[in-house]
């Protein structure tokens, strides 16, 4: 404690770093997709896949070395990280599907000026929260334990 200010605990700072890596992953993914598609004329679906692979690799490297500061085996942690990504993505997809098609949320619509938030849009936002929290927990407890 310096000058009466309480510093954030280690887990909170770790989660903030994790969130920053998430923003960076989004930028990397989108930039790679754009470059592949717009500048090199790669098929949009192939561009998307390449972008997501780059985003996952970027995420692994930053999470291993900066967020969780792991000194574990790269190959082992990379495989566990990839499994976690797939599990958490599945949870996100299930959340979006359930909220979009199995609830009355599919009829939701919120108009804010020229912007409309649909039920699917809200479900996607909730799904992203599910993904972020579950993936952070998975990586903290399983991939980069320590």
N, C-alpha and C. Protein backbone atom coordinates (compact mmCIF):
# COMPACT_ATOMS: atom_id res chain seq x y z
N UNK A 1 0.84 -1.17 0.00
CA UNK A 1 0.00 0.00 0.00
C UNK A 1 0.89 1.24 0.00
N UNK A 2 0.74 2.07 -1.03
CA UNK A 2 1.55 3.28 -1.15
C UNK A 2 0.66 4.50 -1.01
N UNK A 3 1.02 5.40 -0.11
CA UNK A 3 0.26 6.64 0.11
C UNK A 3 -1.22 6.40 0.35
N UNK A 4 -1.57 5.31 1.03
CA UNK A 4 -2.95 5.02 1.35
C UNK A 4 -3.77 4.45 0.21
N UNK A 5 -3.16 4.24 -0.96
CA UNK A 5 -3.88 3.66 -2.09
C UNK A 5 -3.70 2.16 -2.09
N UNK A 6 -4.79 1.45 -2.20
CA UNK A 6 -4.71 -0.01 -2.25
C UNK A 6 -4.48 -0.43 -3.70
N UNK A 7 -3.42 -1.20 -3.92
CA UNK A 7 -3.11 -1.69 -5.26
C UNK A 7 -4.00 -2.88 -5.59
N UNK A 8 -4.40 -3.02 -6.86
CA UNK A 8 -5.23 -4.16 -7.26
C UNK A 8 -4.51 -5.47 -6.99
N UNK A 9 -5.28 -6.50 -6.63
CA UNK A 9 -4.65 -7.79 -6.35
C UNK A 9 -4.14 -8.44 -7.64
N UNK A 10 -3.33 -9.47 -7.47
CA UNK A 10 -2.68 -10.13 -8.60
C UNK A 10 -3.68 -10.69 -9.61
N UNK A 11 -4.76 -11.32 -9.12
CA UNK A 11 -5.74 -11.90 -10.04
C UNK A 11 -6.46 -10.85 -10.86
N UNK A 12 -6.76 -9.71 -10.25
CA UNK A 12 -7.42 -8.63 -11.00
C UNK A 12 -6.49 -8.10 -12.08
N UNK A 13 -5.22 -7.88 -11.74
CA UNK A 13 -4.26 -7.40 -12.74
C UNK A 13 -4.08 -8.44 -13.85
N UNK A 14 -4.08 -9.71 -13.47
CA UNK A 14 -3.94 -10.78 -14.45
C UNK A 14 -5.14 -10.78 -15.40
N UNK A 15 -6.35 -10.59 -14.86
CA UNK A 15 -7.54 -10.55 -15.71
C UNK A 15 -7.52 -9.33 -16.63
N UNK A 16 -7.03 -8.20 -16.14
CA UNK A 16 -6.93 -7.00 -16.97
C UNK A 16 -5.96 -7.25 -18.12
N UNK A 17 -4.84 -7.89 -17.83
CA UNK A 17 -3.88 -8.25 -18.88
C UNK A 17 -4.53 -9.20 -19.89
N UNK A 18 -5.28 -10.17 -19.36
CA UNK A 18 -5.99 -11.14 -20.22
C UNK A 18 -6.95 -10.40 -21.15
N UNK A 19 -7.67 -9.42 -20.62
CA UNK A 19 -8.61 -8.64 -21.44
C UNK A 19 -7.86 -7.84 -22.51
N UNK A 20 -6.71 -7.28 -22.16
CA UNK A 20 -5.90 -6.54 -23.14
C UNK A 20 -5.44 -7.47 -24.26
N UNK A 21 -5.03 -8.68 -23.91
CA UNK A 21 -4.64 -9.66 -24.92
C UNK A 21 -5.83 -9.99 -25.81
N UNK A 22 -7.02 -10.06 -25.24
CA UNK A 22 -8.23 -10.31 -26.03
C UNK A 22 -8.47 -9.23 -27.06
N UNK A 23 -8.27 -7.98 -26.67
CA UNK A 23 -8.42 -6.87 -27.62
C UNK A 23 -7.37 -6.98 -28.72
N UNK A 24 -6.13 -7.27 -28.34
CA UNK A 24 -5.06 -7.44 -29.32
C UNK A 24 -5.36 -8.60 -30.27
N UNK A 25 -5.89 -9.71 -29.73
CA UNK A 25 -6.26 -10.86 -30.58
C UNK A 25 -7.30 -10.47 -31.62
N UNK A 26 -8.26 -9.70 -31.19
CA UNK A 26 -9.30 -9.26 -32.12
C UNK A 26 -8.68 -8.44 -33.25
N UNK A 27 -7.80 -7.53 -32.91
CA UNK A 27 -7.14 -6.70 -33.92
C UNK A 27 -6.29 -7.54 -34.86
N UNK A 28 -5.51 -8.48 -34.31
CA UNK A 28 -4.68 -9.35 -35.14
C UNK A 28 -5.56 -10.16 -36.08
N UNK A 29 -6.60 -10.77 -35.54
CA UNK A 29 -7.50 -11.60 -36.34
C UNK A 29 -8.11 -10.80 -37.48
N UNK A 30 -8.68 -9.64 -37.16
CA UNK A 30 -9.33 -8.82 -38.18
C UNK A 30 -8.34 -8.30 -39.22
N UNK A 31 -7.16 -7.90 -38.79
CA UNK A 31 -6.15 -7.40 -39.74
C UNK A 31 -5.69 -8.50 -40.68
N UNK A 32 -5.46 -9.70 -40.14
CA UNK A 32 -5.02 -10.81 -41.00
C UNK A 32 -6.12 -11.16 -42.00
N UNK A 33 -7.37 -11.20 -41.54
CA UNK A 33 -8.48 -11.49 -42.45
C UNK A 33 -8.52 -10.43 -43.56
N UNK A 34 -8.42 -9.17 -43.18
CA UNK A 34 -8.47 -8.09 -44.16
C UNK A 34 -7.32 -8.19 -45.16
N UNK A 35 -6.11 -8.37 -44.66
CA UNK A 35 -4.94 -8.45 -45.55
C UNK A 35 -5.06 -9.63 -46.51
N UNK A 36 -5.43 -10.78 -45.97
CA UNK A 36 -5.57 -11.97 -46.83
C UNK A 36 -6.62 -11.75 -47.92
N UNK A 37 -7.79 -11.25 -47.50
CA UNK A 37 -8.91 -11.12 -48.43
C UNK A 37 -8.73 -9.93 -49.37
N UNK A 38 -8.51 -8.75 -48.80
CA UNK A 38 -8.51 -7.53 -49.61
C UNK A 38 -7.22 -7.31 -50.40
N UNK A 39 -6.10 -7.62 -49.78
CA UNK A 39 -4.83 -7.33 -50.46
C UNK A 39 -4.31 -8.50 -51.29
N UNK A 40 -4.56 -9.73 -50.83
CA UNK A 40 -4.03 -10.90 -51.54
C UNK A 40 -5.09 -11.70 -52.28
N UNK A 41 -6.36 -11.30 -52.15
CA UNK A 41 -7.44 -11.96 -52.87
C UNK A 41 -7.73 -13.39 -52.45
N UNK A 42 -7.40 -13.73 -51.21
CA UNK A 42 -7.66 -15.08 -50.69
C UNK A 42 -9.16 -15.22 -50.45
N UNK A 43 -9.69 -16.40 -50.70
CA UNK A 43 -11.10 -16.70 -50.45
C UNK A 43 -11.50 -16.22 -49.04
N UNK A 44 -12.68 -15.59 -48.89
CA UNK A 44 -13.09 -15.06 -47.58
C UNK A 44 -13.10 -16.10 -46.46
N UNK A 45 -13.57 -17.32 -46.73
CA UNK A 45 -13.60 -18.34 -45.68
C UNK A 45 -12.19 -18.78 -45.29
N UNK A 46 -11.32 -18.90 -46.26
CA UNK A 46 -9.92 -19.25 -45.98
C UNK A 46 -9.26 -18.09 -45.22
N UNK A 47 -9.53 -16.87 -45.63
CA UNK A 47 -9.01 -15.70 -44.93
C UNK A 47 -9.45 -15.70 -43.47
N UNK A 48 -10.71 -16.01 -43.25
CA UNK A 48 -11.25 -16.07 -41.89
C UNK A 48 -10.52 -17.12 -41.06
N UNK A 49 -10.32 -18.30 -41.63
CA UNK A 49 -9.63 -19.37 -40.92
C UNK A 49 -8.19 -18.97 -40.59
N UNK A 50 -7.49 -18.38 -41.55
CA UNK A 50 -6.11 -17.94 -41.33
C UNK A 50 -6.07 -16.88 -40.23
N UNK A 51 -7.02 -15.95 -40.27
CA UNK A 51 -7.10 -14.91 -39.25
C UNK A 51 -7.29 -15.48 -37.86
N UNK A 52 -8.18 -16.46 -37.73
CA UNK A 52 -8.43 -17.05 -36.42
C UNK A 52 -7.25 -17.88 -35.93
N UNK A 53 -6.57 -18.56 -36.82
CA UNK A 53 -5.37 -19.30 -36.43
C UNK A 53 -4.33 -18.31 -35.89
N UNK A 54 -4.13 -17.20 -36.59
CA UNK A 54 -3.18 -16.19 -36.13
C UNK A 54 -3.59 -15.61 -34.77
N UNK A 55 -4.89 -15.39 -34.60
CA UNK A 55 -5.40 -14.88 -33.32
C UNK A 55 -5.16 -15.84 -32.18
N UNK A 56 -5.37 -17.13 -32.41
CA UNK A 56 -5.17 -18.14 -31.36
C UNK A 56 -3.68 -18.26 -31.02
N UNK A 57 -2.82 -18.25 -32.04
CA UNK A 57 -1.36 -18.31 -31.79
C UNK A 57 -0.92 -17.08 -31.00
N UNK A 58 -1.38 -15.91 -31.42
CA UNK A 58 -1.08 -14.67 -30.71
C UNK A 58 -1.54 -14.76 -29.26
N UNK A 59 -2.76 -15.24 -29.06
CA UNK A 59 -3.32 -15.37 -27.72
C UNK A 59 -2.48 -16.29 -26.85
N UNK A 60 -2.10 -17.44 -27.40
CA UNK A 60 -1.30 -18.38 -26.62
C UNK A 60 0.02 -17.75 -26.19
N UNK A 61 0.72 -17.13 -27.12
CA UNK A 61 2.03 -16.56 -26.80
C UNK A 61 1.95 -15.46 -25.74
N UNK A 62 1.00 -14.54 -25.90
CA UNK A 62 0.85 -13.47 -24.91
C UNK A 62 0.38 -14.00 -23.56
N UNK A 63 -0.56 -14.94 -23.57
CA UNK A 63 -1.05 -15.48 -22.30
C UNK A 63 0.04 -16.27 -21.58
N UNK A 64 0.79 -17.07 -22.32
CA UNK A 64 1.86 -17.86 -21.71
C UNK A 64 2.95 -16.97 -21.12
N UNK A 65 3.40 -16.00 -21.90
CA UNK A 65 4.57 -15.22 -21.52
C UNK A 65 4.30 -13.95 -20.72
N UNK A 66 3.12 -13.36 -20.86
CA UNK A 66 2.85 -12.09 -20.20
C UNK A 66 1.77 -12.19 -19.13
N UNK A 67 0.64 -12.79 -19.48
CA UNK A 67 -0.48 -12.83 -18.54
C UNK A 67 -0.20 -13.81 -17.40
N UNK A 68 0.10 -15.06 -17.73
CA UNK A 68 0.28 -16.10 -16.72
C UNK A 68 1.74 -16.40 -16.41
N UNK A 69 2.67 -15.86 -17.20
CA UNK A 69 4.12 -16.01 -16.99
C UNK A 69 4.50 -17.46 -16.69
N UNK A 70 4.10 -18.33 -17.59
CA UNK A 70 4.34 -19.76 -17.42
C UNK A 70 5.70 -20.17 -17.98
N UNK A 71 6.35 -21.06 -17.28
CA UNK A 71 7.63 -21.60 -17.76
C UNK A 71 7.48 -23.07 -18.15
N UNK A 72 6.22 -23.51 -18.31
CA UNK A 72 5.95 -24.90 -18.68
C UNK A 72 6.31 -25.20 -20.12
N UNK A 73 6.20 -26.45 -20.48
CA UNK A 73 6.52 -26.95 -21.82
C UNK A 73 5.59 -26.32 -22.86
N UNK A 74 6.19 -25.70 -23.91
CA UNK A 74 5.41 -25.02 -24.95
C UNK A 74 4.41 -25.95 -25.63
N UNK A 75 4.87 -27.11 -26.06
CA UNK A 75 4.00 -28.02 -26.82
C UNK A 75 2.83 -28.49 -25.96
N UNK A 76 3.11 -28.93 -24.74
CA UNK A 76 2.06 -29.40 -23.84
C UNK A 76 1.03 -28.30 -23.58
N UNK A 77 1.52 -27.11 -23.23
CA UNK A 77 0.61 -26.01 -22.93
C UNK A 77 -0.16 -25.55 -24.17
N UNK A 78 0.48 -25.60 -25.34
CA UNK A 78 -0.21 -25.21 -26.57
C UNK A 78 -1.37 -26.15 -26.86
N UNK A 79 -1.17 -27.44 -26.66
CA UNK A 79 -2.25 -28.42 -26.90
C UNK A 79 -3.39 -28.23 -25.91
N UNK A 80 -3.05 -28.03 -24.64
CA UNK A 80 -4.08 -27.80 -23.60
C UNK A 80 -4.81 -26.49 -23.87
N UNK A 81 -4.08 -25.46 -24.31
CA UNK A 81 -4.66 -24.17 -24.64
C UNK A 81 -5.67 -24.30 -25.79
N UNK A 82 -5.28 -25.05 -26.82
CA UNK A 82 -6.16 -25.25 -27.97
C UNK A 82 -7.43 -26.01 -27.57
N UNK A 83 -7.29 -27.03 -26.73
CA UNK A 83 -8.46 -27.76 -26.23
C UNK A 83 -9.37 -26.82 -25.46
N UNK A 84 -8.79 -25.97 -24.63
CA UNK A 84 -9.58 -24.99 -23.87
C UNK A 84 -10.29 -24.01 -24.77
N UNK A 85 -9.61 -23.56 -25.81
CA UNK A 85 -10.23 -22.65 -26.77
C UNK A 85 -11.47 -23.31 -27.38
N UNK A 86 -11.33 -24.57 -27.79
CA UNK A 86 -12.45 -25.28 -28.43
C UNK A 86 -13.61 -25.49 -27.45
N UNK A 87 -13.29 -25.86 -26.23
CA UNK A 87 -14.33 -26.06 -25.20
C UNK A 87 -15.07 -24.76 -24.94
N UNK A 88 -14.32 -23.69 -24.71
CA UNK A 88 -14.94 -22.40 -24.38
C UNK A 88 -15.68 -21.81 -25.57
N UNK A 89 -15.16 -22.01 -26.76
CA UNK A 89 -15.88 -21.58 -27.95
C UNK A 89 -17.20 -22.35 -28.06
N UNK A 90 -17.16 -23.64 -27.76
CA UNK A 90 -18.39 -24.44 -27.75
C UNK A 90 -19.40 -23.92 -26.74
N UNK A 91 -18.93 -23.54 -25.56
CA UNK A 91 -19.83 -22.96 -24.55
C UNK A 91 -20.43 -21.65 -25.03
N UNK A 92 -19.61 -20.85 -25.69
CA UNK A 92 -20.09 -19.58 -26.23
C UNK A 92 -21.14 -19.82 -27.30
N UNK A 93 -20.85 -20.74 -28.21
CA UNK A 93 -21.79 -21.05 -29.28
C UNK A 93 -23.10 -21.62 -28.74
N UNK A 94 -23.01 -22.50 -27.76
CA UNK A 94 -24.21 -23.06 -27.12
C UNK A 94 -25.03 -21.95 -26.46
N UNK A 95 -24.36 -21.04 -25.78
CA UNK A 95 -25.05 -19.92 -25.13
C UNK A 95 -25.80 -19.07 -26.15
N UNK A 96 -25.11 -18.72 -27.23
CA UNK A 96 -25.74 -17.90 -28.28
C UNK A 96 -26.93 -18.63 -28.89
N UNK A 97 -26.75 -19.91 -29.18
CA UNK A 97 -27.83 -20.69 -29.79
C UNK A 97 -29.03 -20.80 -28.85
N UNK A 98 -28.78 -21.15 -27.59
CA UNK A 98 -29.88 -21.28 -26.63
C UNK A 98 -30.62 -19.97 -26.44
N UNK A 99 -29.88 -18.89 -26.27
CA UNK A 99 -30.54 -17.60 -26.06
C UNK A 99 -31.25 -17.10 -27.31
N UNK A 100 -30.68 -17.38 -28.47
CA UNK A 100 -31.26 -16.87 -29.72
C UNK A 100 -32.49 -17.65 -30.16
N UNK A 101 -32.44 -18.97 -29.99
CA UNK A 101 -33.48 -19.80 -30.60
C UNK A 101 -34.35 -20.59 -29.62
N UNK A 102 -33.95 -20.63 -28.37
CA UNK A 102 -34.71 -21.41 -27.41
C UNK A 102 -35.36 -20.55 -26.32
N UNK A 103 -35.29 -19.24 -26.49
CA UNK A 103 -35.93 -18.33 -25.53
C UNK A 103 -36.70 -17.28 -26.33
N UNK A 104 -37.39 -16.45 -25.62
CA UNK A 104 -38.12 -15.36 -26.27
C UNK A 104 -37.18 -14.22 -26.66
N UNK A 105 -35.90 -14.35 -26.35
CA UNK A 105 -34.93 -13.32 -26.69
C UNK A 105 -34.86 -13.10 -28.20
N UNK A 106 -35.24 -14.11 -28.98
CA UNK A 106 -35.19 -13.95 -30.44
C UNK A 106 -36.11 -12.82 -30.91
N UNK A 107 -37.07 -12.42 -30.08
CA UNK A 107 -37.99 -11.34 -30.45
C UNK A 107 -37.55 -9.99 -29.89
N UNK A 108 -36.47 -9.99 -29.13
CA UNK A 108 -35.97 -8.77 -28.50
C UNK A 108 -35.39 -7.82 -29.55
N UNK A 109 -35.67 -6.52 -29.37
CA UNK A 109 -35.11 -5.51 -30.26
C UNK A 109 -35.06 -4.20 -29.49
N UNK A 110 -33.89 -3.62 -29.40
CA UNK A 110 -33.71 -2.35 -28.70
C UNK A 110 -33.12 -1.35 -29.68
N UNK A 111 -33.86 -0.26 -29.92
CA UNK A 111 -33.40 0.77 -30.85
C UNK A 111 -32.78 1.92 -30.05
N UNK A 112 -31.54 2.24 -30.41
CA UNK A 112 -30.82 3.36 -29.79
C UNK A 112 -30.31 4.22 -30.93
N UNK A 113 -30.97 5.34 -31.14
CA UNK A 113 -30.67 6.24 -32.26
C UNK A 113 -30.74 5.44 -33.56
N UNK A 114 -29.66 5.38 -34.33
CA UNK A 114 -29.66 4.66 -35.61
C UNK A 114 -29.20 3.22 -35.44
N UNK A 115 -28.99 2.80 -34.21
CA UNK A 115 -28.46 1.47 -33.90
C UNK A 115 -29.57 0.59 -33.33
N UNK A 116 -29.63 -0.65 -33.78
CA UNK A 116 -30.60 -1.61 -33.24
C UNK A 116 -29.87 -2.82 -32.69
N UNK A 117 -30.14 -3.12 -31.43
CA UNK A 117 -29.58 -4.32 -30.80
C UNK A 117 -30.66 -5.39 -30.84
N UNK A 118 -30.39 -6.44 -31.61
CA UNK A 118 -31.35 -7.53 -31.75
C UNK A 118 -31.15 -8.55 -30.65
N UNK A 119 -32.05 -9.50 -30.57
CA UNK A 119 -31.91 -10.61 -29.63
C UNK A 119 -30.64 -11.39 -29.90
N UNK A 120 -30.34 -11.61 -31.19
CA UNK A 120 -29.11 -12.31 -31.54
C UNK A 120 -27.88 -11.51 -31.12
N UNK A 121 -27.92 -10.19 -31.30
CA UNK A 121 -26.81 -9.34 -30.89
C UNK A 121 -26.59 -9.40 -29.38
N UNK A 122 -27.67 -9.35 -28.62
CA UNK A 122 -27.58 -9.45 -27.16
C UNK A 122 -27.07 -10.84 -26.76
N UNK A 123 -27.56 -11.87 -27.42
CA UNK A 123 -27.10 -13.23 -27.14
C UNK A 123 -25.60 -13.36 -27.43
N UNK A 124 -25.14 -12.72 -28.49
CA UNK A 124 -23.72 -12.76 -28.85
C UNK A 124 -22.87 -12.07 -27.78
N UNK A 125 -23.34 -10.93 -27.29
CA UNK A 125 -22.62 -10.23 -26.21
C UNK A 125 -22.54 -11.11 -24.95
N UNK A 126 -23.65 -11.73 -24.59
CA UNK A 126 -23.66 -12.62 -23.42
C UNK A 126 -22.75 -13.82 -23.67
N UNK A 127 -22.79 -14.36 -24.88
CA UNK A 127 -21.90 -15.46 -25.24
C UNK A 127 -20.43 -15.08 -25.13
N UNK A 128 -20.10 -13.85 -25.50
CA UNK A 128 -18.72 -13.38 -25.37
C UNK A 128 -18.28 -13.30 -23.91
N UNK A 129 -19.18 -12.90 -23.04
CA UNK A 129 -18.88 -12.87 -21.60
C UNK A 129 -18.64 -14.30 -21.10
N UNK A 130 -19.50 -15.24 -21.52
CA UNK A 130 -19.33 -16.65 -21.15
C UNK A 130 -17.98 -17.15 -21.63
N UNK A 131 -17.63 -16.87 -22.88
CA UNK A 131 -16.35 -17.31 -23.44
C UNK A 131 -15.18 -16.71 -22.65
N UNK A 132 -15.21 -15.41 -22.44
CA UNK A 132 -14.10 -14.72 -21.78
C UNK A 132 -13.86 -15.26 -20.38
N UNK A 133 -14.92 -15.37 -19.59
CA UNK A 133 -14.76 -15.84 -18.21
C UNK A 133 -14.36 -17.31 -18.15
N UNK A 134 -14.98 -18.15 -18.97
CA UNK A 134 -14.64 -19.58 -18.94
C UNK A 134 -13.23 -19.82 -19.47
N UNK A 135 -12.82 -19.09 -20.51
CA UNK A 135 -11.49 -19.27 -21.07
C UNK A 135 -10.42 -18.77 -20.11
N UNK A 136 -10.67 -17.65 -19.44
CA UNK A 136 -9.73 -17.15 -18.44
C UNK A 136 -9.57 -18.18 -17.32
N UNK A 137 -10.69 -18.66 -16.79
CA UNK A 137 -10.64 -19.66 -15.71
C UNK A 137 -9.93 -20.93 -16.15
N UNK A 138 -10.25 -21.41 -17.34
CA UNK A 138 -9.62 -22.63 -17.87
C UNK A 138 -8.11 -22.45 -17.96
N UNK A 139 -7.68 -21.33 -18.54
CA UNK A 139 -6.24 -21.11 -18.70
C UNK A 139 -5.52 -20.90 -17.36
N UNK A 140 -6.17 -20.22 -16.44
CA UNK A 140 -5.57 -19.99 -15.12
C UNK A 140 -5.45 -21.30 -14.34
N UNK A 141 -6.49 -22.12 -14.38
CA UNK A 141 -6.53 -23.34 -13.57
C UNK A 141 -5.89 -24.55 -14.26
N UNK A 142 -6.05 -24.64 -15.57
CA UNK A 142 -5.61 -25.85 -16.27
C UNK A 142 -4.36 -25.63 -17.13
N UNK A 143 -4.42 -24.69 -18.07
CA UNK A 143 -3.32 -24.53 -19.02
C UNK A 143 -2.04 -24.03 -18.36
N UNK A 144 -2.15 -22.92 -17.65
CA UNK A 144 -0.96 -22.26 -17.10
C UNK A 144 -0.99 -22.27 -15.57
N UNK A 145 -1.41 -23.37 -14.99
CA UNK A 145 -1.54 -23.41 -13.52
C UNK A 145 -0.23 -23.06 -12.85
N UNK A 146 -0.37 -22.35 -11.78
CA UNK A 146 0.85 -21.98 -11.06
C UNK A 146 0.71 -20.71 -10.30
